[in-house]
Amino acid sequence: MQRPWILCLTLLTAATLLHAQAKLPSFVSTTPIGGSGGWDYIAVNPENHHLYVSHATQMHVVDPSTHTVVTTIANTPGIHGTAFAPELSRAFLTCGGDNTVLVVDTKSFKRVATLKATGKKPDAALYEPTTKRVFIMNNGGDNITAFDAATLKTVGSIALGGAPEFAQADGQGRVFVNLEDKNAVAVIDAATLKVVAEWPLAPHATPTGMAIDVEHQRLFVGCRSKQLVVLDAASGKLLAALPIGAGVDACAFDPGTQRVFASCKDGTVAVIEAAVPDTYRVAGILKTEPGSKTMALDPSNHRIFVPAAGAKGTPGDPKAGFQVLMYE
């Protein structure tokens, strides 16, 4: 009969080895789109897992299961971000070129309405489920526009005193927003539209990408000072900082694998493993393509999607032009 302490040691050793040898996502395929022009955010529609890929003045809707472009929504000048209201089958697309937000039906892809932002350069967008409001980060106006997702009426405007970048919601009525030029995170009450706190990130600078672990109340903030900062979402306390690449612009958290991803303009995605209580390590680096600073994660299948231009010597197909790389 094996002694209990030997059995415990064996299990602990096996768990340690499994953790150390956890496999990183690998490049598996690409979806060619083509065309010229830059891009910004990419987002996964939780309804049907379609990708919404911003591209210059148009939004491509991609089915990653068939590697095809389902439709292209044209005439979206300065297209940036997307927020989804799943129960309404609506997508909210930010157009920084004319300071508008285009509302699209995600089943028919028909235009529902064009809304006017209360500030310049609407960028990232966020749907807050408890209030059923859409929050638009007006990066050039230092404020946020809040719309009612159902009525499409403007609920209010939130002055921030700094440029809002990406945002996340905790599912309990709070919205967290990166203020990239103030090196801080603003905390907003989604119901009252009031800023209830502002958490400094110094010495870390220029926060852009953000992800959230709702269960454990942890915020992951990608800073262009080449650090991924971990904050307690209840108090704002800085818990850890991990090294990442240069030019981060998007972060994601996968609750199924307890991994954080930070996509950077230098052609890397840092993969960071999180363990309770608050133990973090860089598990590895994915090779993408220079300029591919944004990404999206589908937590239902753990797939990662990265827009790219098809440069030689990178995972994508140089002949395909603009495309979406898939890792899993």
Protein backbone atom coordinates (compact mmCIF):
# COMPACT_ATOMS: atom_id res chain seq x y z
CA MET A 1 0.00 0.00 0.00
CA GLN A 2 1.40 3.39 -1.01
CA ARG A 3 1.94 5.76 1.88
CA PRO A 4 -0.27 8.89 1.86
CA TRP A 5 2.65 11.30 1.90
CA ILE A 6 4.27 9.55 -1.06
CA LEU A 7 0.99 9.69 -2.99
CA CYS A 8 0.63 13.43 -2.26
CA LEU A 9 4.21 14.06 -3.38
CA THR A 10 3.61 12.10 -6.57
CA LEU A 11 0.46 14.07 -7.39
CA LEU A 12 2.16 17.37 -6.62
CA THR A 13 5.10 16.47 -8.88
CA ALA A 14 2.77 15.43 -11.70
CA ALA A 15 0.78 18.65 -11.39
CA THR A 16 3.98 20.70 -11.43
CA LEU A 17 5.26 18.93 -14.54
CA LEU A 18 1.89 19.34 -16.28
CA HIS A 19 1.90 23.05 -15.49
CA ALA A 20 5.48 23.44 -16.74
CA GLN A 21 4.78 21.52 -19.96
CA ALA A 22 1.44 23.13 -20.79
CA LYS A 23 1.24 23.47 -24.56
CA LEU A 24 1.15 26.91 -26.10
CA PRO A 25 -1.34 27.74 -28.85
CA SER A 26 0.10 27.22 -32.32
CA PHE A 27 -0.65 28.68 -35.73
CA VAL A 28 -3.15 26.49 -37.59
CA SER A 29 -4.68 28.46 -40.45
CA THR A 30 -5.38 31.80 -42.09
CA THR A 31 -8.47 33.42 -43.59
CA PRO A 32 -7.56 35.55 -46.63
CA ILE A 33 -9.40 38.85 -47.01
CA GLY A 34 -7.22 40.93 -49.31
CA GLY A 35 -7.28 44.63 -50.05
CA SER A 36 -5.14 47.44 -48.75
CA GLY A 37 -5.31 49.81 -45.80
CA GLY A 38 -4.72 49.55 -42.09
CA TRP A 39 -6.80 47.87 -39.42
CA ASP A 40 -7.61 48.12 -35.76
CA TYR A 41 -9.74 45.93 -33.49
CA ILE A 42 -11.06 42.46 -34.18
CA ALA A 43 -13.95 41.04 -32.11
CA VAL A 44 -15.79 37.73 -31.72
CA ASN A 45 -19.60 37.75 -31.82
CA PRO A 46 -20.67 35.42 -28.97
CA GLU A 47 -23.92 34.57 -30.80
CA ASN A 48 -22.40 32.76 -33.78
CA HIS A 49 -18.61 33.13 -33.34
CA HIS A 50 -18.25 35.34 -36.41
CA LEU A 51 -15.26 37.67 -36.40
CA TYR A 52 -15.75 41.40 -36.96
CA VAL A 53 -12.50 42.62 -38.50
CA SER A 54 -11.98 46.39 -38.92
CA HIS A 55 -10.17 47.35 -42.10
CA ALA A 56 -9.64 50.97 -43.19
CA THR A 57 -13.19 52.09 -44.15
CA GLN A 58 -14.98 48.76 -43.96
CA MET A 59 -15.83 45.98 -41.52
CA HIS A 60 -15.38 42.39 -42.64
CA VAL A 61 -17.51 39.69 -41.04
CA VAL A 62 -15.59 36.43 -41.16
CA ASP A 63 -16.68 32.85 -40.46
CA PRO A 64 -13.52 31.22 -39.07
CA SER A 65 -14.98 27.72 -39.38
CA THR A 66 -15.12 28.02 -43.18
CA HIS A 67 -12.34 30.62 -43.61
CA THR A 68 -14.65 32.86 -45.59
CA VAL A 69 -15.81 36.47 -45.53
CA VAL A 70 -19.56 36.33 -44.86
CA THR A 71 -20.13 39.97 -45.70
CA THR A 72 -18.38 43.32 -45.79
CA ILE A 73 -20.00 46.37 -44.24
CA ALA A 74 -18.78 49.31 -46.32
CA ASN A 75 -18.78 53.07 -45.73
CA THR A 76 -17.48 52.94 -42.17
CA PRO A 77 -14.85 55.71 -42.21
CA GLY A 78 -12.07 55.25 -39.70
CA ILE A 79 -13.56 52.00 -38.42
CA HIS A 80 -12.19 50.93 -35.02
CA GLY A 81 -14.10 48.77 -32.55
CA THR A 82 -17.18 46.61 -32.08
CA ALA A 83 -19.50 45.90 -29.16
CA PHE A 84 -22.20 43.24 -29.25
CA ALA A 85 -25.60 43.24 -27.53
CA PRO A 86 -26.30 39.50 -27.97
CA GLU A 87 -29.91 39.48 -26.74
CA LEU A 88 -30.75 42.16 -29.31
CA SER A 89 -28.63 40.68 -32.12
CA ARG A 90 -26.97 44.05 -32.58
CA ALA A 91 -23.40 45.15 -33.22
CA PHE A 92 -22.20 48.68 -32.53
CA LEU A 93 -19.33 49.78 -34.81
CA THR A 94 -17.26 52.88 -34.05
CA CYS A 95 -16.30 55.12 -36.95
CA GLY A 96 -13.55 57.54 -35.93
CA GLY A 97 -13.57 59.26 -39.32
CA ASP A 98 -16.95 60.93 -38.88
CA ASN A 99 -17.50 60.48 -35.11
CA THR A 100 -20.43 58.10 -35.51
CA VAL A 101 -21.49 54.67 -34.27
CA LEU A 102 -23.11 52.36 -36.80
CA VAL A 103 -25.67 49.88 -35.44
CA VAL A 104 -25.97 46.66 -37.43
CA ASP A 105 -28.32 43.68 -37.15
CA THR A 106 -26.02 40.66 -36.69
CA LYS A 107 -28.41 38.26 -38.42
CA SER A 108 -29.27 40.21 -41.56
CA PHE A 109 -26.27 42.60 -41.46
CA LYS A 110 -28.65 45.42 -42.29
CA ARG A 111 -27.97 48.89 -40.92
CA VAL A 112 -30.29 49.70 -38.03
CA ALA A 113 -29.16 53.25 -37.23
CA THR A 114 -26.26 55.69 -37.25
CA LEU A 115 -25.65 57.34 -33.88
CA LYS A 116 -23.62 60.45 -33.17
CA ALA A 117 -20.89 60.20 -30.56
CA THR A 118 -20.49 63.01 -28.02
CA GLY A 119 -16.74 63.24 -28.62
CA LYS A 120 -14.09 62.95 -31.30
CA LYS A 121 -12.55 59.71 -32.55
CA PRO A 122 -14.85 57.02 -31.14
CA ASP A 123 -12.54 54.05 -30.70
CA ALA A 124 -13.19 51.02 -28.48
CA ALA A 125 -16.76 50.00 -27.63
CA LEU A 126 -18.19 47.99 -24.72
CA TYR A 127 -21.59 46.48 -23.93
CA GLU A 128 -22.43 46.55 -20.21
CA PRO A 129 -24.96 43.76 -19.49
CA THR A 130 -26.53 44.94 -16.21
CA THR A 131 -27.64 48.29 -17.62
CA LYS A 132 -27.86 47.10 -21.24
CA ARG A 133 -25.89 50.14 -22.29
CA VAL A 134 -23.17 50.56 -24.87
CA PHE A 135 -20.14 52.62 -23.85
CA ILE A 136 -18.14 54.33 -26.61
CA MET A 137 -14.58 55.44 -25.83
CA ASN A 138 -14.06 58.80 -27.55
CA ASN A 139 -10.28 58.74 -27.61
CA GLY A 140 -9.99 62.21 -29.14
CA GLY A 141 -12.61 63.79 -26.90
CA ASP A 142 -11.50 62.60 -23.44
CA ASN A 143 -14.99 61.31 -22.78
CA ILE A 144 -17.37 58.36 -23.13
CA THR A 145 -20.78 58.27 -24.83
CA ALA A 146 -23.37 55.92 -23.32
CA PHE A 147 -26.24 54.63 -25.48
CA ASP A 148 -29.23 52.50 -24.53
CA ALA A 149 -28.73 49.37 -26.64
CA ALA A 150 -32.47 48.82 -27.15
CA THR A 151 -33.83 52.34 -27.72
CA LEU A 152 -30.56 53.64 -29.22
CA LYS A 153 -31.03 56.87 -27.30
CA THR A 154 -28.04 58.74 -25.85
CA VAL A 155 -28.08 58.17 -22.09
CA GLY A 156 -25.24 60.53 -21.25
CA SER A 157 -21.64 61.60 -21.67
CA ILE A 158 -18.88 60.93 -19.13
CA ALA A 159 -15.99 63.39 -18.88
CA LEU A 160 -12.70 61.66 -18.04
CA GLY A 161 -9.98 64.29 -18.23
CA GLY A 162 -7.90 61.84 -20.25
CA ALA A 163 -8.01 59.79 -23.43
CA PRO A 164 -10.02 56.56 -23.03
CA GLU A 165 -8.60 53.52 -24.75
CA PHE A 166 -9.94 50.01 -24.07
CA ALA A 167 -12.52 49.05 -21.41
CA GLN A 168 -13.96 46.04 -19.59
CA ALA A 169 -17.06 45.39 -17.45
CA ASP A 170 -17.18 43.26 -14.30
CA GLY A 171 -20.78 42.12 -14.80
CA GLN A 172 -21.79 43.86 -11.57
CA GLY A 173 -22.34 47.33 -12.96
CA ARG A 174 -18.81 48.67 -13.03
CA VAL A 175 -16.81 49.65 -16.13
CA PHE A 176 -13.01 49.93 -16.12
CA VAL A 177 -11.37 52.22 -18.69
CA ASN A 178 -7.72 52.72 -19.59
CA LEU A 179 -6.70 56.40 -19.72
CA GLU A 180 -3.66 56.10 -21.94
CA ASP A 181 -2.35 59.64 -21.54
CA LYS A 182 -2.87 59.73 -17.74
CA ASN A 183 -1.36 56.29 -17.05
CA ALA A 184 -4.42 55.37 -15.02
CA VAL A 185 -7.58 53.25 -14.96
CA ALA A 186 -10.91 54.99 -14.41
CA VAL A 187 -13.72 53.13 -12.65
CA ILE A 188 -17.25 54.04 -13.75
CA ASP A 189 -20.63 53.25 -12.24
CA ALA A 190 -22.58 52.10 -15.32
CA ALA A 191 -25.94 53.09 -13.84
CA THR A 192 -25.11 56.61 -12.63
CA LEU A 193 -22.46 57.29 -15.30
CA LYS A 194 -20.16 58.64 -12.58
CA VAL A 195 -16.41 58.14 -12.26
CA VAL A 196 -16.10 56.57 -8.81
CA ALA A 197 -12.33 56.03 -8.74
CA GLU A 198 -9.14 56.54 -10.69
CA TRP A 199 -6.26 54.14 -10.12
CA PRO A 200 -2.70 55.19 -11.02
CA LEU A 201 -0.49 52.70 -12.85
CA ALA A 202 2.91 54.38 -12.34
CA PRO A 203 5.65 53.51 -13.00
CA HIS A 204 3.88 51.69 -15.84
CA ALA A 205 2.87 53.91 -18.75
CA THR A 206 0.47 54.21 -21.69
CA PRO A 207 -2.18 51.59 -20.92
CA THR A 208 -3.93 50.28 -24.02
CA GLY A 209 -5.20 46.70 -23.98
CA MET A 210 -7.30 45.40 -21.08
CA ALA A 211 -8.77 42.04 -20.06
CA ILE A 212 -10.66 40.89 -16.98
CA ASP A 213 -10.98 37.75 -14.88
CA VAL A 214 -14.52 38.27 -13.59
CA GLU A 215 -14.50 35.28 -11.22
CA HIS A 216 -11.37 36.32 -9.35
CA GLN A 217 -11.82 40.07 -9.89
CA ARG A 218 -8.50 40.69 -11.59
CA LEU A 219 -7.76 43.28 -14.27
CA PHE A 220 -4.97 42.77 -16.79
CA VAL A 221 -3.71 46.00 -18.34
CA GLY A 222 -1.28 46.02 -21.26
CA CYS A 223 1.08 49.00 -21.05
CA ARG A 224 3.36 50.23 -23.81
CA SER A 225 6.15 50.45 -21.27
CA LYS A 226 6.35 46.71 -22.09
CA GLN A 227 4.52 45.42 -19.05
CA LEU A 228 1.29 43.59 -18.39
CA VAL A 229 -0.01 44.94 -15.09
CA VAL A 230 -2.33 42.93 -12.83
CA LEU A 231 -4.76 44.90 -10.63
CA ASP A 232 -7.22 43.90 -7.94
CA ALA A 233 -10.52 44.95 -9.53
CA ALA A 234 -12.03 45.63 -6.12
CA SER A 235 -9.36 47.96 -4.76
CA GLY A 236 -7.09 48.92 -7.65
CA LYS A 237 -4.08 47.48 -5.84
CA LEU A 238 -1.21 46.61 -8.18
CA LEU A 239 -0.50 42.90 -7.71
CA ALA A 240 2.05 42.03 -10.40
CA ALA A 241 3.77 43.18 -13.58
CA LEU A 242 4.96 40.83 -16.32
CA PRO A 243 7.23 41.59 -19.30
CA ILE A 244 5.61 41.72 -22.75
CA GLY A 245 6.60 42.96 -26.19
CA ALA A 246 6.60 46.46 -27.68
CA GLY A 247 3.47 48.25 -28.86
CA VAL A 248 0.76 46.28 -27.06
CA ASP A 249 -2.78 47.16 -28.15
CA ALA A 250 -4.99 44.24 -27.15
CA CYS A 251 -5.29 41.80 -24.25
CA ALA A 252 -7.55 38.83 -23.57
CA PHE A 253 -8.22 36.42 -20.72
CA ASP A 254 -9.32 32.82 -21.20
CA PRO A 255 -11.16 31.59 -18.08
CA GLY A 256 -11.00 28.01 -19.32
CA THR A 257 -7.20 27.89 -19.43
CA GLN A 258 -6.48 30.69 -16.93
CA ARG A 259 -4.22 32.36 -19.47
CA VAL A 260 -3.77 36.02 -20.34
CA PHE A 261 -2.70 37.13 -23.83
CA ALA A 262 -1.10 40.42 -24.83
CA SER A 263 -0.80 41.19 -28.56
CA CYS A 264 2.02 43.55 -29.55
CA LYS A 265 3.01 45.54 -32.63
CA ASP A 266 6.48 43.93 -32.67
CA GLY A 267 4.88 40.70 -33.93
CA THR A 268 4.46 38.84 -30.65
CA VAL A 269 1.70 37.66 -28.37
CA ALA A 270 2.81 37.11 -24.78
CA VAL A 271 1.13 34.13 -23.11
CA ILE A 272 0.88 34.50 -19.34
CA GLU A 273 -0.41 31.85 -17.00
CA ALA A 274 -2.42 32.89 -13.95
CA ALA A 275 -2.84 30.79 -10.83
CA VAL A 276 -4.72 31.50 -7.61
CA PRO A 277 -3.66 33.14 -5.41
CA ASP A 278 -1.98 35.68 -7.68
CA THR A 279 0.85 33.69 -9.16
CA TYR A 280 1.74 34.69 -12.71
CA ARG A 281 4.41 33.62 -15.17
CA VAL A 282 5.21 34.13 -18.85
CA ALA A 283 4.54 30.71 -20.37
CA GLY A 284 5.83 31.66 -23.82
CA ILE A 285 5.62 33.94 -26.84
CA LEU A 286 3.62 33.40 -30.01
CA LYS A 287 5.18 34.62 -33.25
CA THR A 288 2.73 36.67 -35.33
CA GLU A 289 3.67 39.52 -37.68
CA PRO A 290 5.14 43.02 -37.20
CA GLY A 291 2.24 45.46 -37.04
CA SER A 292 -0.24 42.86 -35.75
CA LYS A 293 -0.99 44.63 -32.50
CA THR A 294 -4.63 43.59 -32.07
CA MET A 295 -6.22 40.21 -31.43
CA ALA A 296 -9.41 38.48 -30.29
CA LEU A 297 -10.04 35.36 -28.23
CA ASP A 298 -13.00 33.00 -28.53
CA PRO A 299 -13.21 31.43 -25.04
CA SER A 300 -15.63 28.75 -26.27
CA ASN A 301 -12.89 27.00 -28.24
CA HIS A 302 -9.74 28.80 -27.00
CA ARG A 303 -8.91 30.11 -30.46
CA ILE A 304 -6.89 33.30 -30.92
CA PHE A 305 -7.31 35.52 -33.98
CA VAL A 306 -4.76 38.09 -35.16
CA PRO A 307 -5.10 40.43 -38.18
CA ALA A 308 -2.03 40.51 -40.41
CA ALA A 309 -0.85 41.76 -43.81
CA GLY A 310 0.95 38.64 -45.02
CA ALA A 311 4.60 39.62 -44.67
CA LYS A 312 7.25 37.17 -45.82
CA GLY A 313 8.77 34.93 -43.18
CA THR A 314 5.71 35.13 -40.90
CA PRO A 315 2.96 32.56 -40.23
CA GLY A 316 0.53 34.04 -42.76
CA ASP A 317 0.40 33.64 -46.52
CA PRO A 318 2.24 36.46 -48.33
CA LYS A 319 0.03 35.94 -51.39
CA ALA A 320 -3.17 36.40 -49.41
CA GLY A 321 -2.59 40.05 -48.49
CA PHE A 322 -4.70 41.21 -45.56
CA GLN A 323 -5.81 38.17 -43.57
CA VAL A 324 -6.66 36.78 -40.15
CA LEU A 325 -4.27 34.33 -38.50
CA MET A 326 -5.76 31.66 -36.25
CA TYR A 327 -3.98 29.97 -33.32
CA GLU A 328 -5.29 27.18 -31.12
